[in-house]
Amino acid sequence: MPATPGEQARVMKQWTSWYAKLGPAIVDPGNPFSGAVNKIDADGEVAKGPVGRRATGYSIIEAPSLAAATRMARGCPVMKGGAQVAVYETFNVM
């Protein structure tokens, strides 16, 4: 996360520009995750996951294919800070 108000404004401008470029493909602009995780297994047991400085998050975009979504994701502002982006394809269950 940016440390100063000026850096925060710069990063928010990058996100706003990326969202504007994607336009109506943005289904959900997303949110960051803290890094704290609880994992629940099939028996209902809960295991605490890592709590670290490594943050992650999500954005949901609509694209005609995984390849198209991957091209769109290349502009994600987190990569300017050295982060990686994973692109997942969803499918309708019902």
PDB file of N, CA and C in Angstrom:
ATOM      1  N   MET A   1       0.837  -1.173   0.000  1.00  0.00           N
ATOM      2  CA  MET A   1       0.000   0.000   0.000  1.00  0.00           C
ATOM      3  C   MET A   1       0.889   1.246   0.000  1.00  0.00           C
ATOM      4  N   PRO A   2       0.492   2.241  -0.756  1.00  0.00           N
ATOM      5  CA  PRO A   2       1.266   3.472  -0.790  1.00  0.00           C
ATOM      6  C   PRO A   2       1.325   4.141   0.592  1.00  0.00           C
ATOM      7  N   ALA A   3       2.465   4.722   0.903  1.00  0.00           N
ATOM      8  CA  ALA A   3       2.680   5.271   2.237  1.00  0.00           C
ATOM      9  C   ALA A   3       2.173   6.704   2.408  1.00  0.00           C
ATOM     10  N   THR A   4       2.250   7.498   1.368  1.00  0.00           N
ATOM     11  CA  THR A   4       1.889   8.910   1.507  1.00  0.00           C
ATOM     12  C   THR A   4       0.601   9.217   0.748  1.00  0.00           C
ATOM     13  N   PRO A   5      -0.086  10.292   1.121  1.00  0.00           N
ATOM     14  CA  PRO A   5      -1.296  10.685   0.395  1.00  0.00           C
ATOM     15  C   PRO A   5      -1.037  10.928  -1.094  1.00  0.00           C
ATOM     16  N   GLY A   6       0.119  11.476  -1.416  1.00  0.00           N
ATOM     17  CA  GLY A   6       0.452  11.705  -2.823  1.00  0.00           C
ATOM     18  C   GLY A   6       0.595  10.403  -3.595  1.00  0.00           C
ATOM     19  N   GLU A   7       1.261   9.420  -2.987  1.00  0.00           N
ATOM     20  CA  GLU A   7       1.414   8.106  -3.626  1.00  0.00           C
ATOM     21  C   GLU A   7       0.063   7.412  -3.740  1.00  0.00           C
ATOM     22  N   GLN A   8      -0.769   7.549  -2.719  1.00  0.00           N
ATOM     23  CA  GLN A   8      -2.101   6.947  -2.754  1.00  0.00           C
ATOM     24  C   GLN A   8      -2.915   7.538  -3.903  1.00  0.00           C
ATOM     25  N   ALA A   9      -2.845   8.845  -4.089  1.00  0.00           N
ATOM     26  CA  ALA A   9      -3.578   9.502  -5.177  1.00  0.00           C
ATOM     27  C   ALA A   9      -3.076   9.027  -6.538  1.00  0.00           C
ATOM     28  N   ARG A  10      -1.769   8.857  -6.645  1.00  0.00           N
ATOM     29  CA  ARG A  10      -1.182   8.392  -7.909  1.00  0.00           C
ATOM     30  C   ARG A  10      -1.671   6.986  -8.236  1.00  0.00           C
ATOM     31  N   VAL A  11      -1.681   6.108  -7.238  1.00  0.00           N
ATOM     32  CA  VAL A  11      -2.129   4.725  -7.449  1.00  0.00           C
ATOM     33  C   VAL A  11      -3.628   4.691  -7.776  1.00  0.00           C
ATOM     34  N   MET A  12      -4.421   5.481  -7.070  1.00  0.00           N
ATOM     35  CA  MET A  12      -5.859   5.510  -7.352  1.00  0.00           C
ATOM     36  C   MET A  12      -6.125   6.003  -8.768  1.00  0.00           C
ATOM     37  N   LYS A  13      -5.323   6.939  -9.251  1.00  0.00           N
ATOM     38  CA  LYS A  13      -5.469   7.417 -10.630  1.00  0.00           C
ATOM     39  C   LYS A  13      -5.174   6.284 -11.623  1.00  0.00           C
ATOM     40  N   GLN A  14      -4.177   5.459 -11.309  1.00  0.00           N
ATOM     41  CA  GLN A  14      -3.865   4.314 -12.179  1.00  0.00           C
ATOM     42  C   GLN A  14      -5.052   3.353 -12.241  1.00  0.00           C
ATOM     43  N   TRP A  15      -5.671   3.080 -11.072  1.00  0.00           N
ATOM     44  CA  TRP A  15      -6.826   2.184 -11.041  1.00  0.00           C
ATOM     45  C   TRP A  15      -7.989   2.786 -11.817  1.00  0.00           C
ATOM     46  N   THR A  16      -8.242   4.068 -11.622  1.00  0.00           N
ATOM     47  CA  THR A  16      -9.335   4.732 -12.324  1.00  0.00           C
ATOM     48  C   THR A  16      -9.124   4.676 -13.832  1.00  0.00           C
ATOM     49  N   SER A  17      -7.897   4.884 -14.270  1.00  0.00           N
ATOM     50  CA  SER A  17      -7.585   4.820 -15.707  1.00  0.00           C
ATOM     51  C   SER A  17      -7.789   3.418 -16.263  1.00  0.00           C
ATOM     52  N   TRP A  18      -7.365   2.400 -15.499  1.00  0.00           N
ATOM     53  CA  TRP A  18      -7.527   1.019 -15.957  1.00  0.00           C
ATOM     54  C   TRP A  18      -9.007   0.664 -16.050  1.00  0.00           C
ATOM     55  N   TYR A  19      -9.773   1.029 -15.018  1.00  0.00           N
ATOM     56  CA  TYR A  19     -11.216   0.768 -15.045  1.00  0.00           C
ATOM     57  C   TYR A  19     -11.884   1.485 -16.219  1.00  0.00           C
ATOM     58  N   ALA A  20     -11.489   2.712 -16.485  1.00  0.00           N
ATOM     59  CA  ALA A  20     -12.072   3.461 -17.603  1.00  0.00           C
ATOM     60  C   ALA A  20     -11.746   2.786 -18.931  1.00  0.00           C
ATOM     61  N   LYS A  21     -10.530   2.270 -19.052  1.00  0.00           N
ATOM     62  CA  LYS A  21     -10.126   1.581 -20.285  1.00  0.00           C
ATOM     63  C   LYS A  21     -10.963   0.310 -20.495  1.00  0.00           C
ATOM     64  N   LEU A  22     -11.232  -0.416 -19.406  1.00  0.00           N
ATOM     65  CA  LEU A  22     -12.008  -1.649 -19.509  1.00  0.00           C
ATOM     66  C   LEU A  22     -13.498  -1.379 -19.683  1.00  0.00           C
ATOM     67  N   GLY A  23     -13.967  -0.241 -19.212  1.00  0.00           N
ATOM     68  CA  GLY A  23     -15.366   0.151 -19.384  1.00  0.00           C
ATOM     69  C   GLY A  23     -16.345  -0.858 -18.823  1.00  0.00           C
ATOM     70  N   PRO A  24     -17.349  -1.226 -19.640  1.00  0.00           N
ATOM     71  CA  PRO A  24     -18.399  -2.125 -19.143  1.00  0.00           C
ATOM     72  C   PRO A  24     -17.934  -3.554 -18.884  1.00  0.00           C
ATOM     73  N   ALA A  25     -16.687  -3.884 -19.220  1.00  0.00           N
ATOM     74  CA  ALA A  25     -16.170  -5.228 -18.922  1.00  0.00           C
ATOM     75  C   ALA A  25     -15.977  -5.418 -17.418  1.00  0.00           C
ATOM     76  N   ILE A  26     -15.900  -4.320 -16.661  1.00  0.00           N
ATOM     77  CA  ILE A  26     -15.748  -4.420 -15.202  1.00  0.00           C
ATOM     78  C   ILE A  26     -17.080  -4.841 -14.604  1.00  0.00           C
ATOM     79  N   VAL A  27     -17.135  -6.058 -14.095  1.00  0.00           N
ATOM     80  CA  VAL A  27     -18.328  -6.573 -13.419  1.00  0.00           C
ATOM     81  C   VAL A  27     -18.296  -6.167 -11.954  1.00  0.00           C
ATOM     82  N   ASP A  28     -17.118  -6.275 -11.338  1.00  0.00           N
ATOM     83  CA  ASP A  28     -16.916  -5.916  -9.936  1.00  0.00           C
ATOM     84  C   ASP A  28     -15.483  -5.400  -9.835  1.00  0.00           C
ATOM     85  N   PRO A  29     -15.293  -4.135  -9.457  1.00  0.00           N
ATOM     86  CA  PRO A  29     -13.937  -3.620  -9.390  1.00  0.00           C
ATOM     87  C   PRO A  29     -13.078  -4.299  -8.336  1.00  0.00           C
ATOM     88  N   GLY A  30     -13.714  -4.960  -7.367  1.00  0.00           N
ATOM     89  CA  GLY A  30     -12.974  -5.770  -6.419  1.00  0.00           C
ATOM     90  C   GLY A  30     -12.591  -5.072  -5.143  1.00  0.00           C
ATOM     91  N   ASN A  31     -11.759  -5.761  -4.386  1.00  0.00           N
ATOM     92  CA  ASN A  31     -11.258  -5.297  -3.098  1.00  0.00           C
ATOM     93  C   ASN A  31      -9.961  -6.020  -2.792  1.00  0.00           C
ATOM     94  N   PRO A  32      -9.138  -5.413  -1.951  1.00  0.00           N
ATOM     95  CA  PRO A  32      -7.941  -6.127  -1.490  1.00  0.00           C
ATOM     96  C   PRO A  32      -8.301  -7.098  -0.376  1.00  0.00           C
ATOM     97  N   PHE A  33      -7.455  -8.115  -0.185  1.00  0.00           N
ATOM     98  CA  PHE A  33      -7.564  -9.052   0.931  1.00  0.00           C
ATOM     99  C   PHE A  33      -6.425  -8.761   1.899  1.00  0.00           C
ATOM    100  N   SER A  34      -6.641  -9.048   3.170  1.00  0.00           N
ATOM    101  CA  SER A  34      -5.649  -8.735   4.188  1.00  0.00           C
ATOM    102  C   SER A  34      -4.481  -9.714   4.231  1.00  0.00           C
ATOM    103  N   GLY A  35      -4.664 -10.920   3.790  1.00  0.00           N
ATOM    104  CA  GLY A  35      -3.639 -11.953   3.917  1.00  0.00           C
ATOM    105  C   GLY A  35      -3.979 -12.963   4.988  1.00  0.00           C
ATOM    106  N   ALA A  36      -4.988 -12.661   5.824  1.00  0.00           N
ATOM    107  CA  ALA A  36      -5.453 -13.623   6.833  1.00  0.00           C
ATOM    108  C   ALA A  36      -6.411 -14.602   6.162  1.00  0.00           C
ATOM    109  N   VAL A  37      -6.235 -15.890   6.437  1.00  0.00           N
ATOM    110  CA  VAL A  37      -7.037 -16.919   5.782  1.00  0.00           C
ATOM    111  C   VAL A  37      -7.455 -17.969   6.800  1.00  0.00           C
ATOM    112  N   ASN A  38      -8.708 -18.383   6.756  1.00  0.00           N
ATOM    113  CA  ASN A  38      -9.166 -19.576   7.457  1.00  0.00           C
ATOM    114  C   ASN A  38      -9.572 -20.581   6.395  1.00  0.00           C
ATOM    115  N   LYS A  39      -9.083 -21.793   6.509  1.00  0.00           N
ATOM    116  CA  LYS A  39      -9.408 -22.849   5.557  1.00  0.00           C
ATOM    117  C   LYS A  39     -10.275 -23.883   6.267  1.00  0.00           C
ATOM    118  N   ILE A  40     -11.363 -24.265   5.634  1.00  0.00           N
ATOM    119  CA  ILE A  40     -12.291 -25.228   6.206  1.00  0.00           C
ATOM    120  C   ILE A  40     -12.255 -26.491   5.358  1.00  0.00           C
ATOM    121  N   ASP A  41     -11.982 -27.644   5.991  1.00  0.00           N
ATOM    122  CA  ASP A  41     -11.957 -28.893   5.235  1.00  0.00           C
ATOM    123  C   ASP A  41     -13.343 -29.535   5.228  1.00  0.00           C
ATOM    124  N   ALA A  42     -13.466 -30.648   4.543  1.00  0.00           N
ATOM    125  CA  ALA A  42     -14.756 -31.323   4.384  1.00  0.00           C
ATOM    126  C   ALA A  42     -15.372 -31.764   5.708  1.00  0.00           C
ATOM    127  N   ASP A  43     -14.546 -31.984   6.730  1.00  0.00           N
ATOM    128  CA  ASP A  43     -15.046 -32.391   8.049  1.00  0.00           C
ATOM    129  C   ASP A  43     -15.434 -31.196   8.916  1.00  0.00           C
ATOM    130  N   GLY A  44     -15.252 -29.998   8.410  1.00  0.00           N
ATOM    131  CA  GLY A  44     -15.589 -28.804   9.164  1.00  0.00           C
ATOM    132  C   GLY A  44     -14.462 -28.242  10.001  1.00  0.00           C
ATOM    133  N   GLU A  45     -13.284 -28.882   9.964  1.00  0.00           N
ATOM    134  CA  GLU A  45     -12.135 -28.384  10.714  1.00  0.00           C
ATOM    135  C   GLU A  45     -11.652 -27.074  10.101  1.00  0.00           C
ATOM    136  N   VAL A  46     -11.285 -26.152  10.958  1.00  0.00           N
ATOM    137  CA  VAL A  46     -10.792 -24.859  10.512  1.00  0.00           C
ATOM    138  C   VAL A  46      -9.305 -24.762  10.806  1.00  0.00           C
ATOM    139  N   ALA A  47      -8.543 -24.420   9.808  1.00  0.00           N
ATOM    140  CA  ALA A  47      -7.107 -24.204   9.964  1.00  0.00           C
ATOM    141  C   ALA A  47      -6.815 -22.746   9.647  1.00  0.00           C
ATOM    142  N   LYS A  48      -6.072 -22.108  10.514  1.00  0.00           N
ATOM    143  CA  LYS A  48      -5.672 -20.718  10.286  1.00  0.00           C
ATOM    144  C   LYS A  48      -4.583 -20.690   9.226  1.00  0.00           C
ATOM    145  N   GLY A  49      -4.750 -19.804   8.295  1.00  0.00           N
ATOM    146  CA  GLY A  49      -3.766 -19.654   7.242  1.00  0.00           C
ATOM    147  C   GLY A  49      -2.788 -18.543   7.564  1.00  0.00           C
ATOM    148  N   PRO A  50      -1.935 -18.238   6.615  1.00  0.00           N
ATOM    149  CA  PRO A  50      -0.903 -17.231   6.865  1.00  0.00           C
ATOM    150  C   PRO A  50      -1.492 -15.835   7.038  1.00  0.00           C
ATOM    151  N   VAL A  51      -0.893 -15.111   7.942  1.00  0.00           N
ATOM    152  CA  VAL A  51      -1.166 -13.686   8.069  1.00  0.00           C
ATOM    153  C   VAL A  51       0.171 -13.026   7.835  1.00  0.00           C
ATOM    154  N   GLY A  52       0.278 -12.369   6.734  1.00  0.00           N
ATOM    155  CA  GLY A  52       1.570 -11.789   6.416  1.00  0.00           C
ATOM    156  C   GLY A  52       1.405 -10.450   5.739  1.00  0.00           C
ATOM    157  N   ARG A  53       2.480  -9.972   5.269  1.00  0.00           N
ATOM    158  CA  ARG A  53       2.486  -8.684   4.607  1.00  0.00           C
ATOM    159  C   ARG A  53       2.066  -8.829   3.156  1.00  0.00           C
ATOM    160  N   ARG A  54       1.964 -10.036   2.701  1.00  0.00           N
ATOM    161  CA  ARG A  54       1.585 -10.268   1.316  1.00  0.00           C
ATOM    162  C   ARG A  54       0.084 -10.064   1.164  1.00  0.00           C
ATOM    163  N   ALA A  55      -0.285  -9.060   0.447  1.00  0.00           N
ATOM    164  CA  ALA A  55      -1.698  -8.763   0.219  1.00  0.00           C
ATOM    165  C   ALA A  55      -2.096  -9.286  -1.154  1.00  0.00           C
ATOM    166  N   THR A  56      -3.349  -9.490  -1.321  1.00  0.00           N
ATOM    167  CA  THR A  56      -3.879  -9.907  -2.601  1.00  0.00           C
ATOM    168  C   THR A  56      -5.249  -9.267  -2.759  1.00  0.00           C
ATOM    169  N   GLY A  57      -5.917  -9.554  -3.817  1.00  0.00           N
ATOM    170  CA  GLY A  57      -7.231  -8.987  -4.039  1.00  0.00           C
ATOM    171  C   GLY A  57      -7.836  -9.562  -5.299  1.00  0.00           C
ATOM    172  N   TYR A  58      -8.919  -8.960  -5.729  1.00  0.00           N
ATOM    173  CA  TYR A  58      -9.592  -9.456  -6.924  1.00  0.00           C
ATOM    174  C   TYR A  58     -10.263  -8.314  -7.664  1.00  0.00           C
ATOM    175  N   SER A  59     -10.475  -8.512  -8.929  1.00  0.00           N
ATOM    176  CA  SER A  59     -11.371  -7.728  -9.770  1.00  0.00           C
ATOM    177  C   SER A  59     -12.049  -8.738 -10.679  1.00  0.00           C
ATOM    178  N   ILE A  60     -13.298  -8.502 -11.005  1.00  0.00           N
ATOM    179  CA  ILE A  60     -14.019  -9.399 -11.901  1.00  0.00           C
ATOM    180  C   ILE A  60     -14.318  -8.644 -13.190  1.00  0.00           C
ATOM    181  N   ILE A  61     -13.853  -9.217 -14.303  1.00  0.00           N
ATOM    182  CA  ILE A  61     -14.123  -8.624 -15.613  1.00  0.00           C
ATOM    183  C   ILE A  61     -14.834  -9.648 -16.476  1.00  0.00           C
ATOM    184  N   GLU A  62     -15.599  -9.154 -17.411  1.00  0.00           N
ATOM    185  CA  GLU A  62     -16.282 -10.025 -18.365  1.00  0.00           C
ATOM    186  C   GLU A  62     -15.549  -9.934 -19.692  1.00  0.00           C
ATOM    187  N   ALA A  63     -15.221 -11.085 -20.236  1.00  0.00           N
ATOM    188  CA  ALA A  63     -14.484 -11.138 -21.487  1.00  0.00           C
ATOM    189  C   ALA A  63     -14.982 -12.325 -22.300  1.00  0.00           C
ATOM    190  N   PRO A  64     -14.813 -12.292 -23.613  1.00  0.00           N
ATOM    191  CA  PRO A  64     -15.289 -13.394 -24.454  1.00  0.00           C
ATOM    192  C   PRO A  64     -14.480 -14.686 -24.328  1.00  0.00           C
ATOM    193  N   SER A  65     -13.270 -14.599 -23.759  1.00  0.00           N
ATOM    194  CA  SER A  65     -12.430 -15.788 -23.618  1.00  0.00           C
ATOM    195  C   SER A  65     -11.390 -15.543 -22.534  1.00  0.00           C
ATOM    196  N   LEU A  66     -10.758 -16.616 -22.106  1.00  0.00           N
ATOM    197  CA  LEU A  66      -9.673 -16.497 -21.133  1.00  0.00           C
ATOM    198  C   LEU A  66      -8.520 -15.696 -21.720  1.00  0.00           C
ATOM    199  N   ALA A  67      -8.246 -15.894 -22.984  1.00  0.00           N
ATOM    200  CA  ALA A  67      -7.167 -15.145 -23.642  1.00  0.00           C
ATOM    201  C   ALA A  67      -7.463 -13.651 -23.649  1.00  0.00           C
ATOM    202  N   ALA A  68      -8.705 -13.289 -23.927  1.00  0.00           N
ATOM    203  CA  ALA A  68      -9.089 -11.872 -23.933  1.00  0.00           C
ATOM    204  C   ALA A  68      -8.986 -11.291 -22.527  1.00  0.00           C
ATOM    205  N   ALA A  69      -9.432 -12.040 -21.516  1.00  0.00           N
ATOM    206  CA  ALA A  69      -9.342 -11.568 -20.128  1.00  0.00           C
ATOM    207  C   ALA A  69      -7.883 -11.381 -19.727  1.00  0.00           C
ATOM    208  N   THR A  70      -7.026 -12.269 -20.173  1.00  0.00           N
ATOM    209  CA  THR A  70      -5.601 -12.166 -19.867  1.00  0.00           C
ATOM    210  C   THR A  70      -5.014 -10.903 -20.483  1.00  0.00           C
ATOM    211  N   ARG A  71      -5.396 -10.600 -21.710  1.00  0.00           N
ATOM    212  CA  ARG A  71      -4.921  -9.364 -22.344  1.00  0.00           C
ATOM    213  C   ARG A  71      -5.402  -8.143 -21.558  1.00  0.00           C
ATOM    214  N   MET A  72      -6.642  -8.171 -21.111  1.00  0.00           N
ATOM    215  CA  MET A  72      -7.190  -7.057 -20.337  1.00  0.00           C
ATOM    216  C   MET A  72      -6.458  -6.902 -19.004  1.00  0.00           C
ATOM    217  N   ALA A  73      -6.111  -8.016 -18.389  1.00  0.00           N
ATOM    218  CA  ALA A  73      -5.467  -7.993 -17.076  1.00  0.00           C
ATOM    219  C   ALA A  73      -4.040  -7.460 -17.130  1.00  0.00           C
ATOM    220  N   ARG A  74      -3.445  -7.478 -18.291  1.00  0.00           N
ATOM    221  CA  ARG A  74      -2.061  -6.987 -18.415  1.00  0.00           C
ATOM    222  C   ARG A  74      -1.927  -5.526 -18.003  1.00  0.00           C
ATOM    223  N   GLY A  75      -3.018  -4.785 -18.016  1.00  0.00           N
ATOM    224  CA  GLY A  75      -2.962  -3.384 -17.627  1.00  0.00           C
ATOM    225  C   GLY A  75      -3.234  -3.143 -16.155  1.00  0.00           C
ATOM    226  N   CYS A  76      -3.407  -4.203 -15.374  1.00  0.00           N
ATOM    227  CA  CYS A  76      -3.737  -4.053 -13.954  1.00  0.00           C
ATOM    228  C   CYS A  76      -2.626  -3.287 -13.224  1.00  0.00           C
ATOM    229  N   PRO A  77      -3.000  -2.243 -12.487  1.00  0.00           N
ATOM    230  CA  PRO A  77      -2.001  -1.400 -11.830  1.00  0.00           C
ATOM    231  C   PRO A  77      -1.101  -2.103 -10.817  1.00  0.00           C
ATOM    232  N   VAL A  78      -1.511  -3.224 -10.237  1.00  0.00           N
ATOM    233  CA  VAL A  78      -0.655  -3.871  -9.237  1.00  0.00           C
ATOM    234  C   VAL A  78       0.660  -4.338  -9.831  1.00  0.00           C
ATOM    235  N   MET A  79       0.677  -4.586 -11.127  1.00  0.00           N
ATOM    236  CA  MET A  79       1.903  -5.070 -11.750  1.00  0.00           C
ATOM    237  C   MET A  79       2.974  -3.985 -11.797  1.00  0.00           C
ATOM    238  N   LYS A  80       2.562  -2.724 -11.726  1.00  0.00           N
ATOM    239  CA  LYS A  80       3.547  -1.631 -11.698  1.00  0.00           C
ATOM    240  C   LYS A  80       4.358  -1.655 -10.411  1.00  0.00           C
ATOM    241  N   GLY A  81       3.814  -2.283  -9.376  1.00  0.00           N
ATOM    242  CA  GLY A  81       4.522  -2.419  -8.114  1.00  0.00           C
ATOM    243  C   GLY A  81       5.236  -3.745  -7.967  1.00  0.00           C
ATOM    244  N   GLY A  82       5.264  -4.541  -9.043  1.00  0.00           N
ATOM    245  CA  GLY A  82       5.975  -5.807  -9.015  1.00  0.00           C
ATOM    246  C   GLY A  82       5.121  -7.019  -8.683  1.00  0.00           C
ATOM    247  N   ALA A  83       3.814  -6.821  -8.502  1.00  0.00           N
ATOM    248  CA  ALA A  83       2.933  -7.946  -8.180  1.00  0.00           C
ATOM    249  C   ALA A  83       2.599  -8.752  -9.433  1.00  0.00           C
ATOM    250  N   GLN A  84       2.071  -9.933  -9.217  1.00  0.00           N
ATOM    251  CA  GLN A  84       1.610 -10.792 -10.303  1.00  0.00           C
ATOM    252  C   GLN A  84       0.091 -10.802 -10.318  1.00  0.00           C
ATOM    253  N   VAL A  85      -0.470 -11.143 -11.465  1.00  0.00           N
ATOM    254  CA  VAL A  85      -1.917 -11.262 -11.617  1.00  0.00           C
ATOM    255  C   VAL A  85      -2.227 -12.662 -12.126  1.00  0.00           C
ATOM    256  N   ALA A  86      -3.186 -13.315 -11.495  1.00  0.00           N
ATOM    257  CA  ALA A  86      -3.681 -14.613 -11.960  1.00  0.00           C
ATOM    258  C   ALA A  86      -5.054 -14.378 -12.579  1.00  0.00           C
ATOM    259  N   VAL A  87      -5.305 -14.973 -13.720  1.00  0.00           N
ATOM    260  CA  VAL A  87      -6.580 -14.813 -14.414  1.00  0.00           C
ATOM    261  C   VAL A  87      -7.279 -16.164 -14.414  1.00  0.00           C
ATOM    262  N   TYR A  88      -8.490 -16.180 -13.875  1.00  0.00           N
ATOM    263  CA  TYR A  88      -9.285 -17.403 -13.796  1.00  0.00           C
ATOM    264  C   TYR A  88     -10.512 -17.268 -14.667  1.00  0.00           C
ATOM    265  N   GLU A  89     -10.894 -18.367 -15.273  1.00  0.00           N
ATOM    266  CA  GLU A  89     -12.130 -18.419 -16.049  1.00  0.00           C
ATOM    267  C   GLU A  89     -13.203 -19.077 -15.205  1.00  0.00           C
ATOM    268  N   THR A  90     -14.374 -18.464 -15.132  1.00  0.00           N
ATOM    269  CA  THR A  90     -15.488 -19.055 -14.416  1.00  0.00           C
ATOM    270  C   THR A  90     -16.444 -19.693 -15.418  1.00  0.00           C
ATOM    271  N   PHE A  91     -17.392 -20.448 -14.887  1.00  0.00           N
ATOM    272  CA  PHE A  91     -18.404 -21.049 -15.751  1.00  0.00           C
ATOM    273  C   PHE A  91     -19.721 -21.094 -14.981  1.00  0.00           C
ATOM    274  N   ASN A  92     -20.806 -21.134 -15.733  1.00  0.00           N
ATOM    275  CA  ASN A  92     -22.115 -21.205 -15.109  1.00  0.00           C
ATOM    276  C   ASN A  92     -22.370 -22.590 -14.530  1.00  0.00           C
ATOM    277  N   VAL A  93     -22.874 -22.612 -13.314  1.00  0.00           N
ATOM    278  CA  VAL A  93     -23.182 -23.871 -12.668  1.00  0.00           C
ATOM    279  C   VAL A  93     -24.608 -24.292 -12.999  1.00  0.00           C
ATOM    280  N   MET A  94     -25.477 -23.352 -13.019  1.00  0.00           N
ATOM    281  CA  MET A  94     -26.896 -23.661 -13.322  1.00  0.00           C
ATOM    282  C   MET A  94     -27.415 -22.762 -14.407  1.00  0.00           C
TER     283      MET A  94
END
